[in-house]
Amino acid sequence: MSLDTVQSHKDFCAKEGLHFTLLSDPDGKVSSAYDSVMTYEGQKYSARHTYLIAPDGKIAKVFLNVKPGNHSEEVLAALASLQKK
């Protein structure tokens, strides 16, 4: 999720060959609720945080200030670990 528009997400997914929906939060309500809004050079952005949410709706794991390069592997490992519990 980011503060970008729905159209910018569609364009990004098309450019990068992604086959899933990115969530748009242009007013920042959800990002603010998760304490994930940051300011850089006077512009507001959603911080690069990941939240794994359990089926019961509770936050099961939080990754703060993630680096995109290897983050998918971290998330998949955490999901596998949580599923064993």
C-alpha atoms as a PDB file:
ATOM      1  CA  MET A   1       0.000   0.000   0.000  1.00  0.00           C
ATOM      2  CA  SER A   2       1.187   3.483  -0.687  1.00  0.00           C
ATOM      3  CA  LEU A   3      -0.079   7.017  -0.969  1.00  0.00           C
ATOM      4  CA  ASP A   4       0.133   6.729  -4.777  1.00  0.00           C
ATOM      5  CA  THR A   5      -2.970   6.638  -6.956  1.00  0.00           C
ATOM      6  CA  VAL A   6      -4.721   3.520  -8.212  1.00  0.00           C
ATOM      7  CA  GLN A   7      -3.631   4.380 -11.762  1.00  0.00           C
ATOM      8  CA  SER A   8       0.019   4.786 -10.775  1.00  0.00           C
ATOM      9  CA  HIS A   9      -0.129   1.340  -9.148  1.00  0.00           C
ATOM     10  CA  LYS A  10      -1.649  -0.181 -12.287  1.00  0.00           C
ATOM     11  CA  ASP A  11       1.067   1.429 -14.397  1.00  0.00           C
ATOM     12  CA  PHE A  12       3.792   0.214 -12.025  1.00  0.00           C
ATOM     13  CA  CYS A  13       2.451  -3.361 -12.024  1.00  0.00           C
ATOM     14  CA  ALA A  14       2.272  -3.355 -15.835  1.00  0.00           C
ATOM     15  CA  LYS A  15       5.835  -2.021 -16.119  1.00  0.00           C
ATOM     16  CA  GLU A  16       7.258  -4.494 -13.593  1.00  0.00           C
ATOM     17  CA  GLY A  17       5.172  -7.502 -14.688  1.00  0.00           C
ATOM     18  CA  LEU A  18       3.448  -7.845 -11.321  1.00  0.00           C
ATOM     19  CA  HIS A  19       0.261  -9.889 -11.253  1.00  0.00           C
ATOM     20  CA  PHE A  20      -1.307  -8.750  -8.010  1.00  0.00           C
ATOM     21  CA  THR A  21      -3.123  -5.657  -6.822  1.00  0.00           C
ATOM     22  CA  LEU A  22      -1.297  -2.916  -4.953  1.00  0.00           C
ATOM     23  CA  LEU A  23      -3.485  -0.982  -2.562  1.00  0.00           C
ATOM     24  CA  SER A  24      -3.807   2.785  -2.902  1.00  0.00           C
ATOM     25  CA  ASP A  25      -4.153   5.050   0.143  1.00  0.00           C
ATOM     26  CA  PRO A  26      -4.049   8.558  -1.363  1.00  0.00           C
ATOM     27  CA  ASP A  27      -5.489  10.253   1.721  1.00  0.00           C
ATOM     28  CA  GLY A  28      -3.089   8.365   4.030  1.00  0.00           C
ATOM     29  CA  LYS A  29      -5.744   7.159   6.470  1.00  0.00           C
ATOM     30  CA  VAL A  30      -4.634   3.530   6.538  1.00  0.00           C
ATOM     31  CA  SER A  31      -0.932   4.347   6.399  1.00  0.00           C
ATOM     32  CA  SER A  32      -1.399   6.740   9.326  1.00  0.00           C
ATOM     33  CA  ALA A  33      -3.330   4.122  11.311  1.00  0.00           C
ATOM     34  CA  TYR A  34      -0.325   1.794  10.947  1.00  0.00           C
ATOM     35  CA  ASP A  35       2.095   4.615  11.835  1.00  0.00           C
ATOM     36  CA  SER A  36       3.614   4.254   8.381  1.00  0.00           C
ATOM     37  CA  VAL A  37       3.654   7.780   6.990  1.00  0.00           C
ATOM     38  CA  MET A  38       7.024   9.421   6.530  1.00  0.00           C
ATOM     39  CA  THR A  39       8.157  12.733   5.088  1.00  0.00           C
ATOM     40  CA  TYR A  40      11.093  12.994   2.715  1.00  0.00           C
ATOM     41  CA  GLU A  41      12.153  16.332   1.227  1.00  0.00           C
ATOM     42  CA  GLY A  42       8.763  17.812   2.138  1.00  0.00           C
ATOM     43  CA  GLN A  43       6.764  15.029   0.439  1.00  0.00           C
ATOM     44  CA  LYS A  44       4.703  12.434   2.349  1.00  0.00           C
ATOM     45  CA  TYR A  45       5.189   8.749   1.574  1.00  0.00           C
ATOM     46  CA  SER A  46       4.167   5.442   3.071  1.00  0.00           C
ATOM     47  CA  ALA A  47       7.154   3.946   4.862  1.00  0.00           C
ATOM     48  CA  ARG A  48       8.421   0.577   3.694  1.00  0.00           C
ATOM     49  CA  HIS A  49       6.890  -1.535   6.416  1.00  0.00           C
ATOM     50  CA  THR A  50       5.246  -4.929   6.070  1.00  0.00           C
ATOM     51  CA  TYR A  51       2.534  -6.272   8.342  1.00  0.00           C
ATOM     52  CA  LEU A  52       1.508  -9.912   8.334  1.00  0.00           C
ATOM     53  CA  ILE A  53      -2.072 -10.096   9.502  1.00  0.00           C
ATOM     54  CA  ALA A  54      -3.398 -13.371  10.898  1.00  0.00           C
ATOM     55  CA  PRO A  55      -6.791 -14.791   9.939  1.00  0.00           C
ATOM     56  CA  ASP A  56      -8.168 -13.473  13.250  1.00  0.00           C
ATOM     57  CA  GLY A  57      -7.279  -9.924  12.157  1.00  0.00           C
ATOM     58  CA  LYS A  58      -4.401  -9.481  14.610  1.00  0.00           C
ATOM     59  CA  ILE A  59      -0.957  -8.373  13.508  1.00  0.00           C
ATOM     60  CA  ALA A  60       1.220 -11.482  13.567  1.00  0.00           C
ATOM     61  CA  LYS A  61       4.547  -9.968  12.465  1.00  0.00           C
ATOM     62  CA  VAL A  62       5.927  -6.541  11.612  1.00  0.00           C
ATOM     63  CA  PHE A  63       8.896  -5.725   9.399  1.00  0.00           C
ATOM     64  CA  LEU A  64      10.031  -2.089   9.659  1.00  0.00           C
ATOM     65  CA  ASN A  65      12.061  -0.161   7.078  1.00  0.00           C
ATOM     66  CA  VAL A  66      12.408  -3.133   4.756  1.00  0.00           C
ATOM     67  CA  LYS A  67      14.876  -3.403   1.903  1.00  0.00           C
ATOM     68  CA  PRO A  68      13.053  -4.675  -1.202  1.00  0.00           C
ATOM     69  CA  GLY A  69      15.958  -6.804  -2.481  1.00  0.00           C
ATOM     70  CA  ASN A  70      15.487  -9.811  -0.204  1.00  0.00           C
ATOM     71  CA  HIS A  71      12.257  -8.935   1.557  1.00  0.00           C
ATOM     72  CA  SER A  72      10.048 -11.460  -0.234  1.00  0.00           C
ATOM     73  CA  GLU A  73      12.189 -14.299   1.107  1.00  0.00           C
ATOM     74  CA  GLU A  74      11.911 -12.894   4.650  1.00  0.00           C
ATOM     75  CA  VAL A  75       8.131 -12.643   4.372  1.00  0.00           C
ATOM     76  CA  LEU A  76       7.739 -16.142   2.926  1.00  0.00           C
ATOM     77  CA  ALA A  77       9.930 -17.587   5.717  1.00  0.00           C
ATOM     78  CA  ALA A  78       7.879 -15.766   8.362  1.00  0.00           C
ATOM     79  CA  LEU A  79       4.636 -17.008   6.803  1.00  0.00           C
ATOM     80  CA  ALA A  80       5.933 -20.590   6.806  1.00  0.00           C
ATOM     81  CA  SER A  81       6.955 -20.250  10.447  1.00  0.00           C
ATOM     82  CA  LEU A  82       3.596 -18.799  11.469  1.00  0.00           C
ATOM     83  CA  GLN A  83       1.724 -21.569   9.654  1.00  0.00           C
ATOM     84  CA  LYS A  84       3.586 -24.195  11.731  1.00  0.00           C
ATOM     85  CA  LYS A  85       2.234 -22.734  14.976  1.00  0.00           C
END
